[in-house]
Amino acid sequence: MMKQKSGVIINIASIVGVMGKIFGQANYSASKAGLIGFTKTLAREVAPRGIRANAVAPGFMIQR
């Protein structure tokens, strides 16, 4: 990506990393929050090289 001066990095996070509301899942919330922070920092580091970094954070799903 650096040689091409373009590219996209996509990380899969979770809305729980932002909200932290699943009882008994502190480890999951912490790891997803860390991934979101990592993605924000990575995006700033690689932006001058034409590379984008994004995190997708799906929410809760209702299943019937």
PDB file of N, CA and C in Angstrom:
ATOM      1  N   MET A   1       0.813  -1.187   0.000  1.00  0.00           N
ATOM      2  CA  MET A   1       0.000   0.000   0.000  1.00  0.00           C
ATOM      3  C   MET A   1       0.861   1.258   0.000  1.00  0.00           C
ATOM      4  N   MET A   2       1.946   1.207   0.736  1.00  0.00           N
ATOM      5  CA  MET A   2       2.799   2.393   0.800  1.00  0.00           C
ATOM      6  C   MET A   2       3.473   2.661  -0.541  1.00  0.00           C
ATOM      7  N   LYS A   3       3.851   1.604  -1.252  1.00  0.00           N
ATOM      8  CA  LYS A   3       4.451   1.802  -2.572  1.00  0.00           C
ATOM      9  C   LYS A   3       3.448   2.383  -3.550  1.00  0.00           C
ATOM     10  N   GLN A   4       2.186   1.932  -3.466  1.00  0.00           N
ATOM     11  CA  GLN A   4       1.134   2.422  -4.361  1.00  0.00           C
ATOM     12  C   GLN A   4       0.628   3.802  -3.959  1.00  0.00           C
ATOM     13  N   LYS A   5       0.902   4.190  -2.716  1.00  0.00           N
ATOM     14  CA  LYS A   5       0.394   5.440  -2.142  1.00  0.00           C
ATOM     15  C   LYS A   5      -1.129   5.491  -2.156  1.00  0.00           C
ATOM     16  N   SER A   6      -1.735   4.340  -1.959  1.00  0.00           N
ATOM     17  CA  SER A   6      -3.190   4.261  -1.821  1.00  0.00           C
ATOM     18  C   SER A   6      -3.555   2.915  -1.215  1.00  0.00           C
ATOM     19  N   GLY A   7      -4.734   2.870  -0.608  1.00  0.00           N
ATOM     20  CA  GLY A   7      -5.213   1.624  -0.039  1.00  0.00           C
ATOM     21  C   GLY A   7      -6.244   1.888   1.036  1.00  0.00           C
ATOM     22  N   VAL A   8      -6.879   0.803   1.467  1.00  0.00           N
ATOM     23  CA  VAL A   8      -7.920   0.895   2.488  1.00  0.00           C
ATOM     24  C   VAL A   8      -7.732  -0.235   3.496  1.00  0.00           C
ATOM     25  N   ILE A   9      -7.784   0.102   4.774  1.00  0.00           N
ATOM     26  CA  ILE A   9      -7.734  -0.875   5.858  1.00  0.00           C
ATOM     27  C   ILE A   9      -9.085  -0.810   6.556  1.00  0.00           C
ATOM     28  N   ILE A  10      -9.751  -1.956   6.682  1.00  0.00           N
ATOM     29  CA  ILE A  10     -11.057  -2.001   7.339  1.00  0.00           C
ATOM     30  C   ILE A  10     -10.978  -2.960   8.524  1.00  0.00           C
ATOM     31  N   ASN A  11     -11.286  -2.458   9.710  1.00  0.00           N
ATOM     32  CA  ASN A  11     -11.332  -3.278  10.917  1.00  0.00           C
ATOM     33  C   ASN A  11     -12.788  -3.487  11.324  1.00  0.00           C
ATOM     34  N   ILE A  12     -13.089  -4.661  11.841  1.00  0.00           N
ATOM     35  CA  ILE A  12     -14.436  -4.968  12.308  1.00  0.00           C
ATOM     36  C   ILE A  12     -14.461  -4.810  13.827  1.00  0.00           C
ATOM     37  N   ALA A  13     -15.159  -3.787  14.297  1.00  0.00           N
ATOM     38  CA  ALA A  13     -15.283  -3.526  15.732  1.00  0.00           C
ATOM     39  C   ALA A  13     -16.704  -3.886  16.165  1.00  0.00           C
ATOM     40  N   SER A  14     -17.238  -3.157  17.124  1.00  0.00           N
ATOM     41  CA  SER A  14     -18.602  -3.391  17.598  1.00  0.00           C
ATOM     42  C   SER A  14     -19.090  -2.132  18.289  1.00  0.00           C
ATOM     43  N   ILE A  15     -20.380  -1.907  18.266  1.00  0.00           N
ATOM     44  CA  ILE A  15     -20.963  -0.773  18.971  1.00  0.00           C
ATOM     45  C   ILE A  15     -20.705  -0.886  20.471  1.00  0.00           C
ATOM     46  N   VAL A  16     -20.464  -2.093  20.948  1.00  0.00           N
ATOM     47  CA  VAL A  16     -20.162  -2.316  22.360  1.00  0.00           C
ATOM     48  C   VAL A  16     -18.843  -1.644  22.746  1.00  0.00           C
ATOM     49  N   GLY A  17     -17.933  -1.496  21.789  1.00  0.00           N
ATOM     50  CA  GLY A  17     -16.688  -0.798  22.054  1.00  0.00           C
ATOM     51  C   GLY A  17     -16.892   0.678  22.321  1.00  0.00           C
ATOM     52  N   VAL A  18     -18.002   1.220  21.862  1.00  0.00           N
ATOM     53  CA  VAL A  18     -18.341   2.625  22.090  1.00  0.00           C
ATOM     54  C   VAL A  18     -19.226   2.760  23.330  1.00  0.00           C
ATOM     55  N   MET A  19     -20.216   1.874  23.463  1.00  0.00           N
ATOM     56  CA  MET A  19     -21.208   1.981  24.536  1.00  0.00           C
ATOM     57  C   MET A  19     -20.843   1.174  25.782  1.00  0.00           C
ATOM     58  N   GLY A  20     -20.263   0.010  25.603  1.00  0.00           N
ATOM     59  CA  GLY A  20     -19.878  -0.835  26.731  1.00  0.00           C
ATOM     60  C   GLY A  20     -21.044  -1.283  27.589  1.00  0.00           C
ATOM     61  N   LYS A  21     -22.079  -1.869  27.002  1.00  0.00           N
ATOM     62  CA  LYS A  21     -23.287  -2.175  27.765  1.00  0.00           C
ATOM     63  C   LYS A  21     -23.625  -3.654  27.913  1.00  0.00           C
ATOM     64  N   ILE A  22     -22.774  -4.546  27.530  1.00  0.00           N
ATOM     65  CA  ILE A  22     -23.090  -5.968  27.713  1.00  0.00           C
ATOM     66  C   ILE A  22     -22.566  -6.402  29.080  1.00  0.00           C
ATOM     67  N   PHE A  23     -23.465  -6.782  29.970  1.00  0.00           N
ATOM     68  CA  PHE A  23     -23.081  -7.210  31.314  1.00  0.00           C
ATOM     69  C   PHE A  23     -22.278  -8.507  31.243  1.00  0.00           C
ATOM     70  N   GLY A  24     -21.168  -8.531  31.956  1.00  0.00           N
ATOM     71  CA  GLY A  24     -20.348  -9.733  31.997  1.00  0.00           C
ATOM     72  C   GLY A  24     -19.444  -9.914  30.786  1.00  0.00           C
ATOM     73  N   GLN A  25     -19.324  -8.887  29.963  1.00  0.00           N
ATOM     74  CA  GLN A  25     -18.491  -8.969  28.761  1.00  0.00           C
ATOM     75  C   GLN A  25     -17.461  -7.840  28.730  1.00  0.00           C
ATOM     76  N   ALA A  26     -16.861  -7.536  29.870  1.00  0.00           N
ATOM     77  CA  ALA A  26     -15.883  -6.452  29.946  1.00  0.00           C
ATOM     78  C   ALA A  26     -14.697  -6.707  29.022  1.00  0.00           C
ATOM     79  N   ASN A  27     -14.279  -7.953  28.910  1.00  0.00           N
ATOM     80  CA  ASN A  27     -13.151  -8.280  28.040  1.00  0.00           C
ATOM     81  C   ASN A  27     -13.473  -7.976  26.580  1.00  0.00           C
ATOM     82  N   TYR A  28     -14.672  -8.300  26.150  1.00  0.00           N
ATOM     83  CA  TYR A  28     -15.094  -8.044  24.762  1.00  0.00           C
ATOM     84  C   TYR A  28     -15.190  -6.541  24.507  1.00  0.00           C
ATOM     85  N   SER A  29     -15.812  -5.815  25.444  1.00  0.00           N
ATOM     86  CA  SER A  29     -15.950  -4.364  25.302  1.00  0.00           C
ATOM     87  C   SER A  29     -14.584  -3.687  25.237  1.00  0.00           C
ATOM     88  N   ALA A  30     -13.675  -4.120  26.096  1.00  0.00           N
ATOM     89  CA  ALA A  30     -12.342  -3.526  26.124  1.00  0.00           C
ATOM     90  C   ALA A  30     -11.577  -3.788  24.832  1.00  0.00           C
ATOM     91  N   SER A  31     -11.683  -4.995  24.310  1.00  0.00           N
ATOM     92  CA  SER A  31     -10.952  -5.308  23.076  1.00  0.00           C
ATOM     93  C   SER A  31     -11.502  -4.523  21.892  1.00  0.00           C
ATOM     94  N   LYS A  32     -12.821  -4.355  21.832  1.00  0.00           N
ATOM     95  CA  LYS A  32     -13.415  -3.605  20.723  1.00  0.00           C
ATOM     96  C   LYS A  32     -13.128  -2.111  20.860  1.00  0.00           C
ATOM     97  N   ALA A  33     -13.114  -1.590  22.084  1.00  0.00           N
ATOM     98  CA  ALA A  33     -12.752  -0.187  22.301  1.00  0.00           C
ATOM     99  C   ALA A  33     -11.292   0.048  21.911  1.00  0.00           C
ATOM    100  N   GLY A  34     -10.439  -0.913  22.241  1.00  0.00           N
ATOM    101  CA  GLY A  34      -9.036  -0.817  21.842  1.00  0.00           C
ATOM    102  C   GLY A  34      -8.870  -0.819  20.339  1.00  0.00           C
ATOM    103  N   LEU A  35      -9.649  -1.633  19.657  1.00  0.00           N
ATOM    104  CA  LEU A  35      -9.594  -1.694  18.198  1.00  0.00           C
ATOM    105  C   LEU A  35     -10.038  -0.372  17.578  1.00  0.00           C
ATOM    106  N   ILE A  36     -11.063   0.251  18.155  1.00  0.00           N
ATOM    107  CA  ILE A  36     -11.527   1.548  17.651  1.00  0.00           C
ATOM    108  C   ILE A  36     -10.441   2.604  17.839  1.00  0.00           C
ATOM    109  N   GLY A  37      -9.809   2.625  19.009  1.00  0.00           N
ATOM    110  CA  GLY A  37      -8.714   3.565  19.256  1.00  0.00           C
ATOM    111  C   GLY A  37      -7.530   3.316  18.340  1.00  0.00           C
ATOM    112  N   PHE A  38      -7.198   2.051  18.134  1.00  0.00           N
ATOM    113  CA  PHE A  38      -6.114   1.686  17.223  1.00  0.00           C
ATOM    114  C   PHE A  38      -6.400   2.182  15.813  1.00  0.00           C
ATOM    115  N   THR A  39      -7.642   2.006  15.366  1.00  0.00           N
ATOM    116  CA  THR A  39      -8.024   2.418  14.016  1.00  0.00           C
ATOM    117  C   THR A  39      -7.930   3.931  13.857  1.00  0.00           C
ATOM    118  N   LYS A  40      -8.356   4.680  14.872  1.00  0.00           N
ATOM    119  CA  LYS A  40      -8.262   6.148  14.814  1.00  0.00           C
ATOM    120  C   LYS A  40      -6.810   6.598  14.690  1.00  0.00           C
ATOM    121  N   THR A  41      -5.944   5.994  15.499  1.00  0.00           N
ATOM    122  CA  THR A  41      -4.523   6.350  15.456  1.00  0.00           C
ATOM    123  C   THR A  41      -3.889   5.934  14.139  1.00  0.00           C
ATOM    124  N   LEU A  42      -4.201   4.733  13.685  1.00  0.00           N
ATOM    125  CA  LEU A  42      -3.668   4.243  12.417  1.00  0.00           C
ATOM    126  C   LEU A  42      -4.093   5.143  11.264  1.00  0.00           C
ATOM    127  N   ALA A  43      -5.353   5.578  11.278  1.00  0.00           N
ATOM    128  CA  ALA A  43      -5.857   6.447  10.211  1.00  0.00           C
ATOM    129  C   ALA A  43      -5.042   7.734  10.122  1.00  0.00           C
ATOM    130  N   ARG A  44      -4.695   8.296  11.265  1.00  0.00           N
ATOM    131  CA  ARG A  44      -3.892   9.526  11.266  1.00  0.00           C
ATOM    132  C   ARG A  44      -2.467   9.275  10.784  1.00  0.00           C
ATOM    133  N   GLU A  45      -1.928   8.114  11.112  1.00  0.00           N
ATOM    134  CA  GLU A  45      -0.556   7.803  10.716  1.00  0.00           C
ATOM    135  C   GLU A  45      -0.417   7.540   9.222  1.00  0.00           C
ATOM    136  N   VAL A  46      -1.389   6.864   8.625  1.00  0.00           N
ATOM    137  CA  VAL A  46      -1.249   6.469   7.225  1.00  0.00           C
ATOM    138  C   VAL A  46      -1.926   7.419   6.241  1.00  0.00           C
ATOM    139  N   ALA A  47      -2.716   8.367   6.728  1.00  0.00           N
ATOM    140  CA  ALA A  47      -3.413   9.310   5.841  1.00  0.00           C
ATOM    141  C   ALA A  47      -2.465  10.087   4.927  1.00  0.00           C
ATOM    142  N   PRO A  48      -1.318  10.565   5.411  1.00  0.00           N
ATOM    143  CA  PRO A  48      -0.410  11.289   4.513  1.00  0.00           C
ATOM    144  C   PRO A  48       0.117  10.432   3.352  1.00  0.00           C
ATOM    145  N   ARG A  49       0.018   9.124   3.488  1.00  0.00           N
ATOM    146  CA  ARG A  49       0.480   8.212   2.431  1.00  0.00           C
ATOM    147  C   ARG A  49      -0.655   7.790   1.504  1.00  0.00           C
ATOM    148  N   GLY A  50      -1.833   8.399   1.660  1.00  0.00           N
ATOM    149  CA  GLY A  50      -2.960   8.086   0.792  1.00  0.00           C
ATOM    150  C   GLY A  50      -3.710   6.823   1.165  1.00  0.00           C
ATOM    151  N   ILE A  51      -3.513   6.345   2.387  1.00  0.00           N
ATOM    152  CA  ILE A  51      -4.165   5.119   2.845  1.00  0.00           C
ATOM    153  C   ILE A  51      -5.261   5.492   3.846  1.00  0.00           C
ATOM    154  N   ARG A  52      -6.433   4.895   3.686  1.00  0.00           N
ATOM    155  CA  ARG A  52      -7.546   5.120   4.611  1.00  0.00           C
ATOM    156  C   ARG A  52      -7.657   3.951   5.568  1.00  0.00           C
ATOM    157  N   ALA A  53      -8.027   4.238   6.810  1.00  0.00           N
ATOM    158  CA  ALA A  53      -8.292   3.196   7.802  1.00  0.00           C
ATOM    159  C   ALA A  53      -9.642   3.492   8.444  1.00  0.00           C
ATOM    160  N   ASN A  54     -10.532   2.513   8.430  1.00  0.00           N
ATOM    161  CA  ASN A  54     -11.872   2.669   8.992  1.00  0.00           C
ATOM    162  C   ASN A  54     -12.221   1.465   9.851  1.00  0.00           C
ATOM    163  N   ALA A  55     -13.128   1.691  10.794  1.00  0.00           N
ATOM    164  CA  ALA A  55     -13.672   0.601  11.602  1.00  0.00           C
ATOM    165  C   ALA A  55     -15.176   0.535  11.364  1.00  0.00           C
ATOM    166  N   VAL A  56     -15.666  -0.657  11.137  1.00  0.00           N
ATOM    167  CA  VAL A  56     -17.097  -0.896  11.009  1.00  0.00           C
ATOM    168  C   VAL A  56     -17.565  -1.422  12.364  1.00  0.00           C
ATOM    169  N   ALA A  57     -18.585  -0.780  12.937  1.00  0.00           N
ATOM    170  CA  ALA A  57     -19.066  -1.165  14.263  1.00  0.00           C
ATOM    171  C   ALA A  57     -20.547  -1.515  14.219  1.00  0.00           C
ATOM    172  N   PRO A  58     -20.874  -2.765  13.870  1.00  0.00           N
ATOM    173  CA  PRO A  58     -22.283  -3.169  13.827  1.00  0.00           C
ATOM    174  C   PRO A  58     -22.934  -3.084  15.208  1.00  0.00           C
ATOM    175  N   GLY A  59     -24.225  -2.839  15.219  1.00  0.00           N
ATOM    176  CA  GLY A  59     -24.984  -2.761  16.467  1.00  0.00           C
ATOM    177  C   GLY A  59     -25.647  -4.082  16.802  1.00  0.00           C
ATOM    178  N   PHE A  60     -26.614  -4.016  17.684  1.00  0.00           N
ATOM    179  CA  PHE A  60     -27.328  -5.212  18.123  1.00  0.00           C
ATOM    180  C   PHE A  60     -28.346  -5.641  17.079  1.00  0.00           C
ATOM    181  N   MET A  61     -28.566  -6.925  17.000  1.00  0.00           N
ATOM    182  CA  MET A  61     -29.537  -7.482  16.063  1.00  0.00           C
ATOM    183  C   MET A  61     -30.672  -8.131  16.843  1.00  0.00           C
ATOM    184  N   ILE A  62     -31.886  -7.901  16.408  1.00  0.00           N
ATOM    185  CA  ILE A  62     -33.035  -8.570  17.004  1.00  0.00           C
ATOM    186  C   ILE A  62     -33.299  -9.838  16.205  1.00  0.00           C
ATOM    187  N   GLN A  63     -33.290 -10.970  16.897  1.00  0.00           N
ATOM    188  CA  GLN A  63     -33.539 -12.249  16.230  1.00  0.00           C
ATOM    189  C   GLN A  63     -34.840 -12.833  16.745  1.00  0.00           C
ATOM    190  N   ARG A  64     -35.628 -13.368  15.846  1.00  0.00           N
ATOM    191  CA  ARG A  64     -36.906 -13.968  16.254  1.00  0.00           C
ATOM    192  C   ARG A  64     -36.922 -15.429  15.918  1.00  0.00           C
TER     193      ARG A  64
END
